[in-house]
Each structure stands twice: as structure tokens, then as C-alpha cells.
Amino acid sequence: MEDLPESVDRHILDHRIILALEAIRDASGCALQEAIDIFGVRYEQLRRDRPEDFHLSREEYGSDVYT
């Protein structure tokens, strides 16, 4: 995975999923499905490395997003 802008992490931590996906696409020029995949990898890394920064459980985090 290429270097992502810091804004991606902030969007993920602040539960701004759509903005995170847009930032990933802007930075990499990738298609939406690839951005979703990159998001998933980065989300898991942040969950593992910074669990105290998440205010929602895994189940709650994506409950309002439909793909």
C-alpha cells in the first residue's frame, strides 16, 4: 500500500468513511473498489495499533454504510 495522506487516518478515526475513501482515491487515483480495499487494510492497522482512538465497536463502525 502506498503512503496515504494523514487525513485518511483522521477520517477513519473520526468515522468519516466516505471522506476517507475520497481521500484515498484522490491520493492514489484508484477505483472505488480498490479504495475500499485500501481502507479496510488501513482500518485494521489503526484498530490494532491505536485501539484507544476508536469510539465505536467494529459492529457499530460500519453499521450505517451500505456498499
N, C-alpha and C. Protein backbone atom coordinates (compact mmCIF):
# COMPACT_ATOMS: atom_id res chain seq x y z
N MET A 1 0.85 -1.17 0.00
CA MET A 1 0.00 0.00 0.00
C MET A 1 0.89 1.22 0.00
N GLU A 2 0.55 2.14 -0.85
CA GLU A 2 1.33 3.36 -0.94
C GLU A 2 1.07 4.27 0.25
N ASP A 3 1.90 5.28 0.40
CA ASP A 3 1.74 6.21 1.51
C ASP A 3 0.43 6.97 1.36
N LEU A 4 -0.32 7.00 2.42
CA LEU A 4 -1.59 7.70 2.42
C LEU A 4 -1.43 9.03 3.16
N PRO A 5 -2.21 10.03 2.76
CA PRO A 5 -2.16 11.29 3.49
C PRO A 5 -2.67 11.10 4.93
N GLU A 6 -2.18 11.91 5.82
CA GLU A 6 -2.59 11.84 7.22
C GLU A 6 -4.10 12.02 7.38
N SER A 7 -4.70 12.74 6.44
CA SER A 7 -6.15 12.98 6.52
C SER A 7 -6.94 11.67 6.47
N VAL A 8 -6.41 10.66 5.80
CA VAL A 8 -7.11 9.37 5.73
C VAL A 8 -7.26 8.79 7.13
N ASP A 9 -6.18 8.76 7.89
CA ASP A 9 -6.25 8.24 9.26
C ASP A 9 -7.23 9.05 10.10
N ARG A 10 -7.18 10.37 9.98
CA ARG A 10 -8.08 11.22 10.77
C ARG A 10 -9.52 10.91 10.41
N HIS A 11 -9.82 10.78 9.11
CA HIS A 11 -11.18 10.47 8.68
C HIS A 11 -11.62 9.11 9.23
N ILE A 12 -10.74 8.12 9.17
CA ILE A 12 -11.08 6.79 9.68
C ILE A 12 -11.35 6.86 11.18
N LEU A 13 -10.48 7.52 11.91
CA LEU A 13 -10.65 7.60 13.37
C LEU A 13 -11.90 8.39 13.75
N ASP A 14 -12.26 9.38 12.94
CA ASP A 14 -13.44 10.20 13.22
C ASP A 14 -14.71 9.64 12.60
N HIS A 15 -14.64 8.41 12.06
CA HIS A 15 -15.80 7.71 11.49
C HIS A 15 -16.37 8.45 10.27
N ARG A 16 -15.49 9.06 9.50
CA ARG A 16 -15.90 9.73 8.26
C ARG A 16 -15.46 8.84 7.09
N ILE A 17 -16.19 7.79 6.89
CA ILE A 17 -15.81 6.73 5.96
C ILE A 17 -15.78 7.24 4.52
N ILE A 18 -16.80 7.95 4.11
CA ILE A 18 -16.87 8.45 2.73
C ILE A 18 -15.72 9.41 2.45
N LEU A 19 -15.43 10.30 3.39
CA LEU A 19 -14.32 11.23 3.21
C LEU A 19 -12.98 10.49 3.16
N ALA A 20 -12.85 9.44 3.94
CA ALA A 20 -11.62 8.63 3.90
C ALA A 20 -11.47 7.98 2.53
N LEU A 21 -12.55 7.43 2.00
CA LEU A 21 -12.50 6.82 0.68
C LEU A 21 -12.16 7.84 -0.40
N GLU A 22 -12.74 9.02 -0.31
CA GLU A 22 -12.42 10.08 -1.27
C GLU A 22 -10.95 10.48 -1.18
N ALA A 23 -10.43 10.60 0.03
CA ALA A 23 -9.02 10.97 0.20
C ALA A 23 -8.10 9.90 -0.36
N ILE A 24 -8.46 8.63 -0.18
CA ILE A 24 -7.67 7.54 -0.73
C ILE A 24 -7.68 7.60 -2.25
N ARG A 25 -8.85 7.80 -2.82
CA ARG A 25 -8.96 7.87 -4.29
C ARG A 25 -8.21 9.07 -4.84
N ASP A 26 -8.30 10.21 -4.17
CA ASP A 26 -7.58 11.41 -4.62
C ASP A 26 -6.07 11.19 -4.59
N ALA A 27 -5.60 10.52 -3.53
CA ALA A 27 -4.16 10.32 -3.36
C ALA A 27 -3.61 9.27 -4.32
N SER A 28 -4.41 8.26 -4.63
CA SER A 28 -3.88 7.14 -5.42
C SER A 28 -4.41 7.07 -6.84
N GLY A 29 -5.54 7.73 -7.09
CA GLY A 29 -6.14 7.66 -8.41
C GLY A 29 -6.80 6.32 -8.70
N CYS A 30 -7.07 5.56 -7.65
CA CYS A 30 -7.62 4.22 -7.84
C CYS A 30 -9.15 4.25 -7.97
N ALA A 31 -9.69 3.12 -8.37
CA ALA A 31 -11.14 2.94 -8.46
C ALA A 31 -11.72 2.76 -7.06
N LEU A 32 -13.03 2.88 -6.97
CA LEU A 32 -13.70 2.79 -5.69
C LEU A 32 -13.44 1.46 -4.98
N GLN A 33 -13.53 0.35 -5.69
CA GLN A 33 -13.33 -0.95 -5.05
C GLN A 33 -11.93 -1.07 -4.45
N GLU A 34 -10.93 -0.57 -5.16
CA GLU A 34 -9.57 -0.61 -4.62
C GLU A 34 -9.45 0.30 -3.40
N ALA A 35 -10.12 1.46 -3.43
CA ALA A 35 -10.11 2.36 -2.28
C ALA A 35 -10.75 1.69 -1.06
N ILE A 36 -11.81 0.93 -1.29
CA ILE A 36 -12.46 0.20 -0.19
C ILE A 36 -11.50 -0.83 0.39
N ASP A 37 -10.77 -1.51 -0.48
CA ASP A 37 -9.79 -2.50 -0.02
C ASP A 37 -8.67 -1.83 0.79
N ILE A 38 -8.16 -0.70 0.29
CA ILE A 38 -7.11 0.03 0.99
C ILE A 38 -7.63 0.53 2.33
N PHE A 39 -8.84 1.04 2.34
CA PHE A 39 -9.48 1.50 3.57
C PHE A 39 -9.52 0.36 4.59
N GLY A 40 -9.94 -0.82 4.15
CA GLY A 40 -10.05 -1.96 5.05
C GLY A 40 -8.73 -2.33 5.69
N VAL A 41 -7.68 -2.32 4.90
CA VAL A 41 -6.35 -2.64 5.42
C VAL A 41 -5.92 -1.58 6.43
N ARG A 42 -6.10 -0.32 6.07
CA ARG A 42 -5.66 0.75 6.98
C ARG A 42 -6.51 0.77 8.24
N TYR A 43 -7.81 0.54 8.12
CA TYR A 43 -8.69 0.47 9.29
C TYR A 43 -8.20 -0.60 10.26
N GLU A 44 -7.87 -1.78 9.76
CA GLU A 44 -7.40 -2.86 10.62
C GLU A 44 -6.06 -2.51 11.28
N GLN A 45 -5.18 -1.84 10.53
CA GLN A 45 -3.91 -1.41 11.12
C GLN A 45 -4.14 -0.43 12.26
N LEU A 46 -4.99 0.54 12.03
CA LEU A 46 -5.28 1.53 13.08
C LEU A 46 -5.98 0.88 14.27
N ARG A 47 -6.90 -0.02 14.02
CA ARG A 47 -7.60 -0.73 15.09
C ARG A 47 -6.61 -1.47 15.98
N ARG A 48 -5.62 -2.09 15.34
CA ARG A 48 -4.60 -2.86 16.05
C ARG A 48 -3.63 -1.93 16.80
N ASP A 49 -3.17 -0.88 16.13
CA ASP A 49 -2.12 -0.02 16.68
C ASP A 49 -2.63 1.08 17.59
N ARG A 50 -3.87 1.49 17.40
CA ARG A 50 -4.41 2.62 18.17
C ARG A 50 -5.84 2.35 18.65
N PRO A 51 -6.08 1.25 19.33
CA PRO A 51 -7.46 0.89 19.71
C PRO A 51 -8.13 1.94 20.58
N GLU A 52 -7.35 2.66 21.36
CA GLU A 52 -7.93 3.67 22.25
C GLU A 52 -8.51 4.87 21.48
N ASP A 53 -8.15 5.03 20.21
CA ASP A 53 -8.65 6.14 19.41
C ASP A 53 -9.99 5.86 18.75
N PHE A 54 -10.49 4.63 18.87
CA PHE A 54 -11.78 4.28 18.30
C PHE A 54 -12.86 4.38 19.37
N HIS A 55 -13.93 5.06 19.03
CA HIS A 55 -15.02 5.26 19.98
C HIS A 55 -16.21 4.35 19.71
N LEU A 56 -16.15 3.63 18.61
CA LEU A 56 -17.21 2.69 18.25
C LEU A 56 -16.64 1.29 18.15
N SER A 57 -17.46 0.30 18.45
CA SER A 57 -17.05 -1.09 18.26
C SER A 57 -16.96 -1.38 16.76
N ARG A 58 -16.38 -2.51 16.40
CA ARG A 58 -16.31 -2.91 14.99
C ARG A 58 -17.72 -2.99 14.38
N GLU A 59 -18.65 -3.54 15.13
CA GLU A 59 -20.01 -3.70 14.62
C GLU A 59 -20.69 -2.36 14.40
N GLU A 60 -20.48 -1.43 15.31
CA GLU A 60 -21.10 -0.10 15.18
C GLU A 60 -20.44 0.72 14.09
N TYR A 61 -19.14 0.55 13.89
CA TYR A 61 -18.38 1.39 12.99
C TYR A 61 -18.97 1.43 11.59
N GLY A 62 -19.24 0.29 11.01
CA GLY A 62 -19.72 0.23 9.63
C GLY A 62 -21.21 0.03 9.49
N SER A 63 -21.95 0.15 10.57
CA SER A 63 -23.38 -0.19 10.53
C SER A 63 -24.21 0.74 9.64
N ASP A 64 -23.76 1.96 9.41
CA ASP A 64 -24.53 2.91 8.60
C ASP A 64 -24.02 3.03 7.18
N VAL A 65 -23.10 2.15 6.79
CA VAL A 65 -22.53 2.22 5.45
C VAL A 65 -22.99 0.99 4.67
N TYR A 66 -23.53 1.24 3.50
CA TYR A 66 -24.01 0.15 2.64
C TYR A 66 -23.27 0.19 1.33
N THR A 67 -22.70 -0.94 0.94
CA THR A 67 -21.97 -0.99 -0.32
C THR A 67 -22.62 -1.95 -1.28
